[in-house]
Amino acid sequence: MRNYFSIKFTMLLIIFSFGMTTMLNKDDNYSNHLELFIHQDIINNFLSSIGTIDGGGKIGGFDYNWDVSNFYIVIDEEKAEFYGNIRLKSGQFSREDIIVGNVNVYYDDLENLIFVKIENVDVDIDISHIFNTIPKDVVNINVDLSQYFAEPFEIQAPQPKTTSYPITVNNDTTQIVINNKETQLFLVENGIKIISIYQCDRQ
């Protein structure tokens, strides 16, 4: 029994640290109990698998088609943004633009999930210099991809809200309960950092 207690206690000590830290530290000094870094490439690998989204329409007497590809997001300390390459074609005319959208990243502590929501994914393309016969107020073509990204991406956070470990000492079993005391999410260069502080109690 003593060996079991020693192994379990050592494991808990290594993983969770029984220090008295009460504040999260955003700096890279590893003083937090748990830090998880999610690289933006994880999301971009998924976005790249979408391939191409296309559509078309008519303006005046002209038909046009468009396609959007090369989807990716860029994250830094200030914001997260979505990008895609859009190509518009009408007859012999062709042009390329960048479509940009906002990315809302947040952590839901009740569900223990990280959500990445792509929003406002649309662009107005001014083609007044191409279709001279069309009135100036109707020569913007709007491409809106919001319907394709209506649902957020979900990333499972690894830390449990509460974990209980049975410990047997002198033929008496007690419980060491590890509670997630505080968790926050930060945007950092090229990804997302989620930081947690734990508290250990004997019951």
N, C-alpha and C. Protein backbone atom coordinates (compact mmCIF):
# COMPACT_ATOMS: atom_id res chain seq x y z
N MET A 1 0.81 -1.20 0.00
CA MET A 1 0.00 0.00 0.00
C MET A 1 0.85 1.26 0.00
N ARG A 2 1.97 1.20 0.69
CA ARG A 2 2.83 2.37 0.75
C ARG A 2 3.40 2.71 -0.63
N ASN A 3 3.77 1.68 -1.40
CA ASN A 3 4.28 1.92 -2.74
C ASN A 3 3.23 2.56 -3.63
N TYR A 4 2.00 2.08 -3.52
CA TYR A 4 0.90 2.64 -4.30
C TYR A 4 0.72 4.11 -3.97
N PHE A 5 0.72 4.43 -2.68
CA PHE A 5 0.56 5.82 -2.25
C PHE A 5 1.70 6.67 -2.78
N SER A 6 2.91 6.16 -2.71
CA SER A 6 4.06 6.93 -3.15
C SER A 6 4.01 7.23 -4.64
N ILE A 7 3.64 6.23 -5.43
CA ILE A 7 3.56 6.41 -6.88
C ILE A 7 2.46 7.41 -7.23
N LYS A 8 1.30 7.26 -6.64
CA LYS A 8 0.18 8.15 -6.95
C LYS A 8 0.49 9.58 -6.54
N PHE A 9 1.08 9.74 -5.37
CA PHE A 9 1.38 11.07 -4.87
C PHE A 9 2.42 11.75 -5.77
N THR A 10 3.44 11.00 -6.19
CA THR A 10 4.46 11.56 -7.06
C THR A 10 3.87 11.99 -8.39
N MET A 11 2.97 11.17 -8.93
CA MET A 11 2.35 11.51 -10.19
C MET A 11 1.54 12.79 -10.07
N LEU A 12 0.78 12.92 -9.03
CA LEU A 12 -0.02 14.12 -8.82
C LEU A 12 0.86 15.33 -8.66
N LEU A 13 1.97 15.18 -7.96
CA LEU A 13 2.86 16.29 -7.72
C LEU A 13 3.49 16.78 -9.00
N ILE A 14 3.89 15.85 -9.87
CA ILE A 14 4.53 16.22 -11.12
C ILE A 14 3.55 16.89 -12.06
N ILE A 15 2.35 16.34 -12.17
CA ILE A 15 1.41 16.84 -13.17
C ILE A 15 0.78 18.16 -12.76
N PHE A 16 0.41 18.29 -11.53
CA PHE A 16 -0.43 19.41 -11.15
C PHE A 16 0.24 20.45 -10.26
N SER A 17 1.34 20.15 -9.59
CA SER A 17 2.03 21.10 -8.73
C SER A 17 1.13 21.58 -7.62
N PHE A 18 1.55 21.41 -6.38
CA PHE A 18 0.72 21.79 -5.25
C PHE A 18 1.06 23.19 -4.74
N GLY A 19 1.62 24.05 -5.59
CA GLY A 19 1.97 25.40 -5.17
C GLY A 19 0.74 26.23 -4.87
N MET A 20 0.97 27.41 -4.33
CA MET A 20 -0.11 28.27 -3.89
C MET A 20 -0.44 29.34 -4.93
N THR A 21 -0.05 29.11 -6.20
CA THR A 21 -0.32 30.10 -7.23
C THR A 21 -1.82 30.35 -7.36
N THR A 22 -2.20 31.59 -7.43
CA THR A 22 -3.62 31.93 -7.53
C THR A 22 -3.92 32.79 -8.75
N MET A 23 -2.90 33.21 -9.49
CA MET A 23 -3.12 34.07 -10.65
C MET A 23 -2.50 33.43 -11.89
N LEU A 24 -3.20 33.54 -13.00
CA LEU A 24 -2.68 33.03 -14.25
C LEU A 24 -1.57 33.96 -14.75
N ASN A 25 -0.55 33.37 -15.33
CA ASN A 25 0.56 34.13 -15.87
C ASN A 25 0.60 33.92 -17.37
N LYS A 26 0.37 34.98 -18.14
CA LYS A 26 0.33 34.87 -19.59
C LYS A 26 1.73 34.73 -20.20
N ASP A 27 2.76 35.17 -19.48
CA ASP A 27 4.11 35.10 -20.01
C ASP A 27 4.60 33.66 -20.08
N ASP A 28 5.63 33.45 -20.90
CA ASP A 28 6.16 32.10 -21.10
C ASP A 28 7.20 31.74 -20.06
N ASN A 29 6.80 31.75 -18.79
CA ASN A 29 7.75 31.34 -17.75
C ASN A 29 7.34 30.03 -17.09
N TYR A 30 6.28 29.40 -17.59
CA TYR A 30 5.85 28.07 -17.17
C TYR A 30 5.51 28.00 -15.67
N SER A 31 4.98 29.08 -15.13
CA SER A 31 4.58 29.08 -13.73
C SER A 31 3.15 28.63 -13.54
N ASN A 32 2.40 28.48 -14.61
CA ASN A 32 1.02 28.01 -14.52
C ASN A 32 0.99 26.49 -14.35
N HIS A 33 -0.11 25.99 -13.83
CA HIS A 33 -0.24 24.56 -13.61
C HIS A 33 -0.37 23.79 -14.92
N LEU A 34 -1.11 24.34 -15.86
CA LEU A 34 -1.28 23.68 -17.15
C LEU A 34 -1.42 24.72 -18.24
N GLU A 35 -0.67 24.53 -19.33
CA GLU A 35 -0.77 25.39 -20.49
C GLU A 35 -0.91 24.52 -21.74
N LEU A 36 -1.87 24.90 -22.58
CA LEU A 36 -2.07 24.19 -23.84
C LEU A 36 -1.95 25.19 -24.98
N PHE A 37 -1.14 24.87 -25.98
CA PHE A 37 -1.01 25.70 -27.17
C PHE A 37 -1.61 24.97 -28.36
N ILE A 38 -2.54 25.63 -29.03
CA ILE A 38 -3.19 25.06 -30.21
C ILE A 38 -2.72 25.86 -31.42
N HIS A 39 -1.94 25.25 -32.28
CA HIS A 39 -1.41 25.96 -33.44
C HIS A 39 -2.51 26.17 -34.47
N GLN A 40 -2.46 27.33 -35.14
CA GLN A 40 -3.48 27.64 -36.14
C GLN A 40 -3.47 26.64 -37.30
N ASP A 41 -2.37 25.92 -37.50
CA ASP A 41 -2.32 24.94 -38.59
C ASP A 41 -3.32 23.81 -38.39
N ILE A 42 -3.68 23.52 -37.13
CA ILE A 42 -4.70 22.48 -36.89
C ILE A 42 -6.01 22.86 -37.58
N ILE A 43 -6.40 24.12 -37.43
CA ILE A 43 -7.63 24.62 -38.04
C ILE A 43 -7.44 24.75 -39.55
N ASN A 44 -6.28 25.23 -39.97
CA ASN A 44 -6.04 25.42 -41.40
C ASN A 44 -6.00 24.11 -42.17
N ASN A 45 -5.52 23.05 -41.52
CA ASN A 45 -5.55 21.74 -42.18
C ASN A 45 -6.98 21.31 -42.48
N PHE A 46 -7.88 21.62 -41.53
CA PHE A 46 -9.29 21.30 -41.75
C PHE A 46 -9.87 22.16 -42.86
N LEU A 47 -9.58 23.47 -42.82
CA LEU A 47 -10.12 24.39 -43.83
C LEU A 47 -9.66 24.02 -45.23
N SER A 48 -8.41 23.58 -45.35
CA SER A 48 -7.88 23.24 -46.67
C SER A 48 -8.60 22.05 -47.29
N SER A 49 -9.19 21.20 -46.43
CA SER A 49 -9.90 20.02 -46.94
C SER A 49 -11.25 20.39 -47.56
N ILE A 50 -11.72 21.62 -47.32
CA ILE A 50 -13.00 22.05 -47.90
C ILE A 50 -12.90 22.12 -49.42
N GLY A 51 -11.73 22.51 -49.92
CA GLY A 51 -11.54 22.62 -51.36
C GLY A 51 -12.01 23.96 -51.89
N THR A 52 -12.96 23.93 -52.81
CA THR A 52 -13.43 25.15 -53.48
C THR A 52 -14.92 25.31 -53.31
N ILE A 53 -15.34 26.53 -53.02
CA ILE A 53 -16.76 26.90 -53.00
C ILE A 53 -17.01 27.80 -54.20
N ASP A 54 -18.06 27.51 -54.98
CA ASP A 54 -18.30 28.32 -56.17
C ASP A 54 -19.76 28.72 -56.27
N GLY A 55 -20.01 29.68 -57.14
CA GLY A 55 -21.35 30.19 -57.36
C GLY A 55 -21.35 31.10 -58.58
N GLY A 56 -22.46 31.79 -58.76
CA GLY A 56 -22.55 32.69 -59.91
C GLY A 56 -23.84 33.48 -59.88
N GLY A 57 -24.05 34.27 -60.93
CA GLY A 57 -25.24 35.10 -61.01
C GLY A 57 -25.27 35.87 -62.31
N LYS A 58 -26.13 36.85 -62.35
CA LYS A 58 -26.29 37.68 -63.55
C LYS A 58 -26.40 39.13 -63.11
N ILE A 59 -25.71 40.00 -63.83
CA ILE A 59 -25.82 41.43 -63.58
C ILE A 59 -26.03 42.11 -64.93
N GLY A 60 -27.17 42.79 -65.07
CA GLY A 60 -27.54 43.33 -66.37
C GLY A 60 -27.72 42.18 -67.35
N GLY A 61 -27.04 42.25 -68.47
CA GLY A 61 -27.09 41.16 -69.44
C GLY A 61 -25.89 40.25 -69.36
N PHE A 62 -25.12 40.35 -68.27
CA PHE A 62 -23.88 39.60 -68.17
C PHE A 62 -23.98 38.50 -67.11
N ASP A 63 -23.54 37.33 -67.47
CA ASP A 63 -23.42 36.23 -66.50
C ASP A 63 -22.03 36.26 -65.90
N TYR A 64 -21.94 35.87 -64.64
CA TYR A 64 -20.63 35.78 -64.01
C TYR A 64 -20.59 34.55 -63.11
N ASN A 65 -19.40 34.07 -62.89
CA ASN A 65 -19.15 32.95 -61.98
C ASN A 65 -18.00 33.30 -61.05
N TRP A 66 -18.04 32.73 -59.86
CA TRP A 66 -16.95 32.96 -58.91
C TRP A 66 -16.61 31.65 -58.20
N ASP A 67 -15.40 31.57 -57.73
CA ASP A 67 -15.00 30.45 -56.86
C ASP A 67 -14.03 30.97 -55.81
N VAL A 68 -14.11 30.37 -54.64
CA VAL A 68 -13.25 30.76 -53.52
C VAL A 68 -12.50 29.52 -53.05
N SER A 69 -11.19 29.65 -52.85
CA SER A 69 -10.37 28.53 -52.43
C SER A 69 -9.25 29.03 -51.51
N ASN A 70 -8.40 28.11 -51.10
CA ASN A 70 -7.25 28.42 -50.24
C ASN A 70 -7.70 29.11 -48.96
N PHE A 71 -8.57 28.45 -48.21
CA PHE A 71 -9.06 29.01 -46.95
C PHE A 71 -8.01 28.83 -45.85
N TYR A 72 -7.83 29.85 -45.03
CA TYR A 72 -6.92 29.75 -43.89
C TYR A 72 -7.20 30.88 -42.91
N ILE A 73 -6.75 30.71 -41.68
CA ILE A 73 -6.87 31.76 -40.68
C ILE A 73 -5.47 32.15 -40.21
N VAL A 74 -5.36 33.39 -39.74
CA VAL A 74 -4.11 33.92 -39.19
C VAL A 74 -4.42 34.48 -37.80
N ILE A 75 -3.66 34.03 -36.81
CA ILE A 75 -3.90 34.46 -35.42
C ILE A 75 -2.65 35.17 -34.90
N ASP A 76 -2.87 36.31 -34.25
CA ASP A 76 -1.80 36.96 -33.49
C ASP A 76 -2.36 37.42 -32.16
N GLU A 77 -1.59 38.20 -31.41
CA GLU A 77 -2.02 38.59 -30.07
C GLU A 77 -3.24 39.50 -30.08
N GLU A 78 -3.51 40.17 -31.20
CA GLU A 78 -4.60 41.14 -31.27
C GLU A 78 -5.89 40.57 -31.80
N LYS A 79 -5.81 39.66 -32.75
CA LYS A 79 -7.03 39.21 -33.43
C LYS A 79 -6.79 37.92 -34.17
N ALA A 80 -7.88 37.34 -34.64
CA ALA A 80 -7.85 36.19 -35.54
C ALA A 80 -8.68 36.54 -36.76
N GLU A 81 -8.15 36.27 -37.95
CA GLU A 81 -8.84 36.62 -39.18
C GLU A 81 -8.85 35.43 -40.15
N PHE A 82 -9.89 35.40 -40.96
CA PHE A 82 -10.08 34.36 -41.97
C PHE A 82 -9.78 34.94 -43.35
N TYR A 83 -9.14 34.14 -44.21
CA TYR A 83 -8.82 34.59 -45.56
C TYR A 83 -9.17 33.49 -46.57
N GLY A 84 -9.46 33.95 -47.78
CA GLY A 84 -9.67 33.04 -48.89
C GLY A 84 -9.40 33.77 -50.19
N ASN A 85 -9.02 33.06 -51.21
CA ASN A 85 -8.78 33.64 -52.54
C ASN A 85 -10.04 33.50 -53.39
N ILE A 86 -10.55 34.62 -53.88
CA ILE A 86 -11.76 34.58 -54.70
C ILE A 86 -11.41 35.00 -56.13
N ARG A 87 -11.96 34.26 -57.09
CA ARG A 87 -11.75 34.55 -58.51
C ARG A 87 -13.11 34.76 -59.17
N LEU A 88 -13.23 35.87 -59.86
CA LEU A 88 -14.48 36.23 -60.55
C LEU A 88 -14.23 36.18 -62.05
N LYS A 89 -15.18 35.52 -62.77
CA LYS A 89 -15.06 35.42 -64.22
C LYS A 89 -16.38 35.80 -64.88
N SER A 90 -16.27 36.57 -65.98
CA SER A 90 -17.43 36.90 -66.79
C SER A 90 -16.94 37.08 -68.23
N GLY A 91 -17.28 36.12 -69.07
CA GLY A 91 -16.78 36.16 -70.44
C GLY A 91 -15.25 36.08 -70.45
N GLN A 92 -14.61 37.05 -71.09
CA GLN A 92 -13.15 37.10 -71.16
C GLN A 92 -12.54 37.79 -69.94
N PHE A 93 -13.41 38.36 -69.09
CA PHE A 93 -12.91 39.11 -67.94
C PHE A 93 -12.70 38.17 -66.75
N SER A 94 -11.57 38.35 -66.07
CA SER A 94 -11.27 37.56 -64.88
C SER A 94 -10.45 38.42 -63.92
N ARG A 95 -10.77 38.33 -62.63
CA ARG A 95 -9.99 39.04 -61.63
C ARG A 95 -9.97 38.23 -60.33
N GLU A 96 -8.95 38.49 -59.53
CA GLU A 96 -8.81 37.79 -58.25
C GLU A 96 -8.74 38.80 -57.11
N ASP A 97 -9.35 38.45 -55.99
CA ASP A 97 -9.37 39.28 -54.80
C ASP A 97 -9.19 38.39 -53.57
N ILE A 98 -9.05 39.04 -52.43
CA ILE A 98 -8.96 38.34 -51.15
C ILE A 98 -10.26 38.58 -50.39
N ILE A 99 -10.87 37.51 -49.92
CA ILE A 99 -12.05 37.63 -49.07
C ILE A 99 -11.59 37.47 -47.62
N VAL A 100 -12.06 38.38 -46.75
CA VAL A 100 -11.60 38.43 -45.37
C VAL A 100 -12.80 38.33 -44.43
N GLY A 101 -12.64 37.58 -43.35
CA GLY A 101 -13.69 37.47 -42.35
C GLY A 101 -13.10 37.54 -40.94
N ASN A 102 -13.95 37.81 -39.98
CA ASN A 102 -13.52 37.82 -38.58
C ASN A 102 -13.58 36.41 -38.01
N VAL A 103 -12.75 36.14 -37.02
CA VAL A 103 -12.76 34.86 -36.33
C VAL A 103 -12.89 35.13 -34.84
N ASN A 104 -13.96 34.61 -34.26
CA ASN A 104 -14.21 34.76 -32.82
C ASN A 104 -13.79 33.47 -32.12
N VAL A 105 -12.81 33.59 -31.22
CA VAL A 105 -12.28 32.44 -30.49
C VAL A 105 -12.62 32.60 -29.01
N TYR A 106 -13.26 31.59 -28.42
CA TYR A 106 -13.63 31.69 -27.01
C TYR A 106 -13.70 30.31 -26.37
N TYR A 107 -13.63 30.31 -25.04
CA TYR A 107 -13.63 29.07 -24.27
C TYR A 107 -14.91 28.99 -23.44
N ASP A 108 -15.60 27.85 -23.51
CA ASP A 108 -16.81 27.60 -22.72
C ASP A 108 -16.42 26.65 -21.59
N ASP A 109 -16.35 27.19 -20.35
CA ASP A 109 -15.88 26.36 -19.24
C ASP A 109 -16.90 25.30 -18.84
N LEU A 110 -18.18 25.53 -19.11
CA LEU A 110 -19.20 24.54 -18.76
C LEU A 110 -19.08 23.30 -19.65
N GLU A 111 -18.82 23.51 -20.92
CA GLU A 111 -18.68 22.39 -21.85
C GLU A 111 -17.23 21.96 -22.00
N ASN A 112 -16.30 22.74 -21.46
CA ASN A 112 -14.87 22.46 -21.59
C ASN A 112 -14.47 22.35 -23.06
N LEU A 113 -14.95 23.32 -23.85
CA LEU A 113 -14.69 23.34 -25.27
C LEU A 113 -14.15 24.70 -25.70
N ILE A 114 -13.25 24.68 -26.67
CA ILE A 114 -12.78 25.89 -27.33
C ILE A 114 -13.55 26.02 -28.64
N PHE A 115 -14.16 27.18 -28.86
CA PHE A 115 -14.93 27.43 -30.07
C PHE A 115 -14.20 28.41 -30.97
N VAL A 116 -14.16 28.10 -32.26
CA VAL A 116 -13.58 28.98 -33.26
C VAL A 116 -14.68 29.28 -34.29
N LYS A 117 -15.20 30.51 -34.24
CA LYS A 117 -16.35 30.87 -35.08
C LYS A 117 -15.92 31.88 -36.15
N ILE A 118 -16.08 31.48 -37.42
CA ILE A 118 -15.77 32.36 -38.55
C ILE A 118 -17.00 33.19 -38.87
N GLU A 119 -16.83 34.52 -38.91
CA GLU A 119 -17.98 35.43 -39.05
C GLU A 119 -17.71 36.47 -40.14
N ASN A 120 -18.80 37.03 -40.66
CA ASN A 120 -18.73 38.14 -41.63
C ASN A 120 -17.81 37.82 -42.80
N VAL A 121 -18.06 36.66 -43.42
CA VAL A 121 -17.21 36.22 -44.53
C VAL A 121 -17.84 36.66 -45.84
N ASP A 122 -17.63 37.91 -46.22
CA ASP A 122 -18.19 38.38 -47.49
C ASP A 122 -17.29 39.48 -48.07
N VAL A 123 -17.49 39.74 -49.36
CA VAL A 123 -16.70 40.76 -50.05
C VAL A 123 -17.57 41.39 -51.13
N ASP A 124 -17.41 42.69 -51.32
CA ASP A 124 -18.03 43.41 -52.42
C ASP A 124 -16.96 43.66 -53.49
N ILE A 125 -17.22 43.22 -54.71
CA ILE A 125 -16.26 43.38 -55.79
C ILE A 125 -16.78 44.45 -56.75
N ASP A 126 -16.02 45.52 -56.88
CA ASP A 126 -16.39 46.63 -57.75
C ASP A 126 -15.97 46.32 -59.18
N ILE A 127 -16.96 46.20 -60.06
CA ILE A 127 -16.65 45.89 -61.47
C ILE A 127 -17.13 47.01 -62.39
N SER A 128 -17.23 48.23 -61.87
CA SER A 128 -17.73 49.36 -62.66
C SER A 128 -16.82 49.66 -63.85
N HIS A 129 -15.53 49.36 -63.73
CA HIS A 129 -14.61 49.64 -64.84
C HIS A 129 -14.70 48.59 -65.95
N ILE A 130 -15.49 47.53 -65.70
CA ILE A 130 -15.64 46.48 -66.71
C ILE A 130 -16.97 46.62 -67.44
N PHE A 131 -18.06 46.76 -66.67
CA PHE A 131 -19.39 46.84 -67.27
C PHE A 131 -19.83 48.30 -67.35
N ASN A 132 -19.37 48.99 -68.38
CA ASN A 132 -19.64 50.42 -68.49
C ASN A 132 -21.10 50.72 -68.80
N THR A 133 -21.84 49.74 -69.30
CA THR A 133 -23.23 49.98 -69.68
C THR A 133 -24.18 49.82 -68.52
N ILE A 134 -23.67 49.40 -67.36
CA ILE A 134 -24.51 49.16 -66.20
C ILE A 134 -24.40 50.35 -65.25
N PRO A 135 -25.52 50.82 -64.67
CA PRO A 135 -25.46 51.96 -63.74
C PRO A 135 -24.48 51.71 -62.60
N LYS A 136 -23.83 52.81 -62.16
CA LYS A 136 -22.78 52.70 -61.16
C LYS A 136 -23.25 52.11 -59.83
N ASP A 137 -24.52 52.28 -59.49
CA ASP A 137 -24.98 51.82 -58.18
C ASP A 137 -25.31 50.33 -58.15
N VAL A 138 -25.15 49.61 -59.27
CA VAL A 138 -25.46 48.17 -59.28
C VAL A 138 -24.29 47.35 -59.82
N VAL A 139 -23.09 47.89 -59.76
CA VAL A 139 -21.95 47.17 -60.33
C VAL A 139 -21.05 46.57 -59.25
N ASN A 140 -21.54 46.47 -58.02
CA ASN A 140 -20.83 45.74 -56.98
C ASN A 140 -21.42 44.33 -56.86
N ILE A 141 -20.60 43.33 -56.98
CA ILE A 141 -21.02 41.96 -56.80
C ILE A 141 -20.64 41.53 -55.39
N ASN A 142 -21.62 41.07 -54.63
CA ASN A 142 -21.37 40.64 -53.26
C ASN A 142 -21.31 39.11 -53.21
N VAL A 143 -20.24 38.62 -52.61
CA VAL A 143 -20.09 37.18 -52.39
C VAL A 143 -20.05 36.96 -50.88
N ASP A 144 -21.02 36.22 -50.37
CA ASP A 144 -21.16 35.99 -48.94
C ASP A 144 -21.06 34.49 -48.66
N LEU A 145 -20.05 34.12 -47.86
CA LEU A 145 -19.84 32.70 -47.54
C LEU A 145 -20.30 32.34 -46.13
N SER A 146 -21.02 33.23 -45.47
CA SER A 146 -21.39 33.01 -44.07
C SER A 146 -22.15 31.71 -43.86
N GLN A 147 -22.99 31.32 -44.82
CA GLN A 147 -23.79 30.10 -44.65
C GLN A 147 -22.93 28.85 -44.57
N TYR A 148 -21.74 28.90 -45.17
CA TYR A 148 -20.87 27.73 -45.15
C TYR A 148 -20.11 27.59 -43.83
N PHE A 149 -20.10 28.66 -43.04
CA PHE A 149 -19.38 28.63 -41.77
C PHE A 149 -20.30 29.03 -40.62
N ALA A 150 -21.55 28.59 -40.72
CA ALA A 150 -22.55 28.97 -39.71
C ALA A 150 -22.25 28.37 -38.34
N GLU A 151 -21.68 27.16 -38.33
CA GLU A 151 -21.38 26.49 -37.08
C GLU A 151 -19.91 26.67 -36.71
N PRO A 152 -19.61 26.90 -35.44
CA PRO A 152 -18.20 27.05 -35.04
C PRO A 152 -17.47 25.72 -35.01
N PHE A 153 -16.16 25.79 -35.16
CA PHE A 153 -15.33 24.62 -34.94
C PHE A 153 -15.20 24.40 -33.44
N GLU A 154 -15.21 23.15 -33.01
CA GLU A 154 -15.09 22.82 -31.60
C GLU A 154 -13.79 22.05 -31.36
N ILE A 155 -13.04 22.50 -30.35
CA ILE A 155 -11.81 21.83 -29.96
C ILE A 155 -11.93 21.44 -28.50
N GLN A 156 -11.78 20.18 -28.21
CA GLN A 156 -11.90 19.70 -26.84
C GLN A 156 -10.71 20.16 -26.02
N ALA A 157 -10.98 20.86 -24.94
CA ALA A 157 -9.92 21.24 -24.01
C ALA A 157 -9.53 20.02 -23.17
N PRO A 158 -8.25 19.82 -22.89
CA PRO A 158 -7.83 18.57 -22.26
C PRO A 158 -8.05 18.48 -20.77
N GLN A 159 -8.13 19.60 -20.08
CA GLN A 159 -8.17 19.54 -18.63
C GLN A 159 -9.59 19.26 -18.13
N PRO A 160 -9.74 18.39 -17.14
CA PRO A 160 -11.07 18.13 -16.57
C PRO A 160 -11.46 19.23 -15.61
N LYS A 161 -12.76 19.40 -15.42
CA LYS A 161 -13.23 20.35 -14.41
C LYS A 161 -12.91 19.84 -13.02
N THR A 162 -13.17 18.58 -12.76
CA THR A 162 -12.89 17.98 -11.45
C THR A 162 -12.42 16.55 -11.66
N THR A 163 -11.33 16.19 -10.99
CA THR A 163 -10.82 14.83 -11.04
C THR A 163 -10.58 14.35 -9.62
N SER A 164 -10.98 13.12 -9.34
CA SER A 164 -10.83 12.57 -7.99
C SER A 164 -9.94 11.33 -8.03
N TYR A 165 -8.98 11.27 -7.09
CA TYR A 165 -8.07 10.14 -6.99
C TYR A 165 -8.20 9.50 -5.61
N PRO A 166 -8.50 8.20 -5.56
CA PRO A 166 -8.53 7.52 -4.26
C PRO A 166 -7.11 7.22 -3.78
N ILE A 167 -6.83 7.51 -2.53
CA ILE A 167 -5.52 7.25 -1.93
C ILE A 167 -5.73 6.42 -0.67
N THR A 168 -5.01 5.29 -0.56
CA THR A 168 -5.12 4.43 0.62
C THR A 168 -3.86 4.57 1.48
N VAL A 169 -4.06 4.98 2.73
CA VAL A 169 -2.97 5.13 3.68
C VAL A 169 -3.39 4.45 4.99
N ASN A 170 -2.56 3.52 5.49
CA ASN A 170 -2.87 2.83 6.75
C ASN A 170 -4.27 2.20 6.72
N ASN A 171 -4.56 1.54 5.62
CA ASN A 171 -5.84 0.86 5.43
C ASN A 171 -7.05 1.79 5.43
N ASP A 172 -6.80 3.07 5.26
CA ASP A 172 -7.89 4.04 5.23
C ASP A 172 -7.86 4.75 3.87
N THR A 173 -8.97 4.74 3.17
CA THR A 173 -9.03 5.34 1.83
C THR A 173 -9.63 6.74 1.90
N THR A 174 -8.96 7.67 1.29
CA THR A 174 -9.46 9.03 1.21
C THR A 174 -9.43 9.47 -0.25
N GLN A 175 -9.96 10.62 -0.54
CA GLN A 175 -10.03 11.13 -1.91
C GLN A 175 -9.24 12.43 -2.01
N ILE A 176 -8.39 12.52 -3.04
CA ILE A 176 -7.75 13.78 -3.40
C ILE A 176 -8.51 14.33 -4.61
N VAL A 177 -9.16 15.46 -4.41
CA VAL A 177 -9.98 16.06 -5.46
C VAL A 177 -9.21 17.22 -6.08
N ILE A 178 -9.07 17.18 -7.39
CA ILE A 178 -8.38 18.24 -8.12
C ILE A 178 -9.42 19.05 -8.88
N ASN A 179 -9.54 20.31 -8.52
CA ASN A 179 -10.51 21.21 -9.14
C ASN A 179 -9.82 22.20 -10.06
N ASN A 180 -10.44 22.44 -11.19
CA ASN A 180 -9.97 23.48 -12.09
C ASN A 180 -10.44 24.82 -11.52
N LYS A 181 -9.54 25.54 -10.89
CA LYS A 181 -9.90 26.77 -10.20
C LYS A 181 -10.13 27.93 -11.15
N GLU A 182 -9.32 27.99 -12.21
CA GLU A 182 -9.43 29.12 -13.14
C GLU A 182 -8.84 28.72 -14.48
N THR A 183 -9.54 29.08 -15.56
CA THR A 183 -9.06 28.84 -16.91
C THR A 183 -9.34 30.05 -17.77
N GLN A 184 -8.35 30.46 -18.55
CA GLN A 184 -8.53 31.57 -19.47
C GLN A 184 -7.91 31.23 -20.81
N LEU A 185 -8.43 31.87 -21.84
CA LEU A 185 -7.95 31.66 -23.20
C LEU A 185 -7.33 32.95 -23.71
N PHE A 186 -6.18 32.83 -24.40
CA PHE A 186 -5.49 33.98 -24.97
C PHE A 186 -5.16 33.69 -26.42
N LEU A 187 -5.23 34.74 -27.24
CA LEU A 187 -4.70 34.66 -28.59
C LEU A 187 -3.21 34.99 -28.52
N VAL A 188 -2.40 34.18 -29.20
CA VAL A 188 -0.96 34.41 -29.25
C VAL A 188 -0.51 34.27 -30.69
N GLU A 189 0.76 34.54 -30.95
CA GLU A 189 1.27 34.45 -32.32
C GLU A 189 1.10 33.03 -32.85
N ASN A 190 0.37 32.91 -33.96
CA ASN A 190 0.16 31.65 -34.68
C ASN A 190 -0.75 30.65 -33.97
N GLY A 191 -1.48 31.08 -32.95
CA GLY A 191 -2.36 30.11 -32.32
C GLY A 191 -3.10 30.60 -31.10
N ILE A 192 -3.56 29.62 -30.33
CA ILE A 192 -4.40 29.85 -29.16
C ILE A 192 -3.71 29.23 -27.95
N LYS A 193 -3.66 29.96 -26.84
CA LYS A 193 -3.11 29.41 -25.60
C LYS A 193 -4.23 29.38 -24.57
N ILE A 194 -4.40 28.23 -23.93
CA ILE A 194 -5.36 28.10 -22.85
C ILE A 194 -4.58 27.73 -21.59
N ILE A 195 -4.83 28.47 -20.50
CA ILE A 195 -4.05 28.35 -19.27
C ILE A 195 -4.98 28.02 -18.13
N SER A 196 -4.55 27.09 -17.27
CA SER A 196 -5.38 26.68 -16.14
C SER A 196 -4.58 26.68 -14.84
N ILE A 197 -5.29 26.98 -13.76
CA ILE A 197 -4.76 26.87 -12.40
C ILE A 197 -5.64 25.87 -11.65
N TYR A 198 -5.02 24.95 -10.91
CA TYR A 198 -5.75 23.90 -10.19
C TYR A 198 -5.61 24.06 -8.69
N GLN A 199 -6.53 23.45 -8.00
CA GLN A 199 -6.51 23.40 -6.54
C GLN A 199 -6.76 21.97 -6.08
N CYS A 200 -5.93 21.47 -5.16
CA CYS A 200 -6.07 20.10 -4.67
C CYS A 200 -6.59 20.10 -3.24
N ASP A 201 -7.61 19.30 -3.00
CA ASP A 201 -8.22 19.20 -1.66
C ASP A 201 -8.36 17.73 -1.27
N ARG A 202 -8.19 17.47 0.02
CA ARG A 202 -8.38 16.12 0.54
C ARG A 202 -9.75 16.03 1.19
N GLN A 203 -10.46 14.98 0.82
CA GLN A 203 -11.81 14.80 1.36
C GLN A 203 -11.94 13.46 2.03
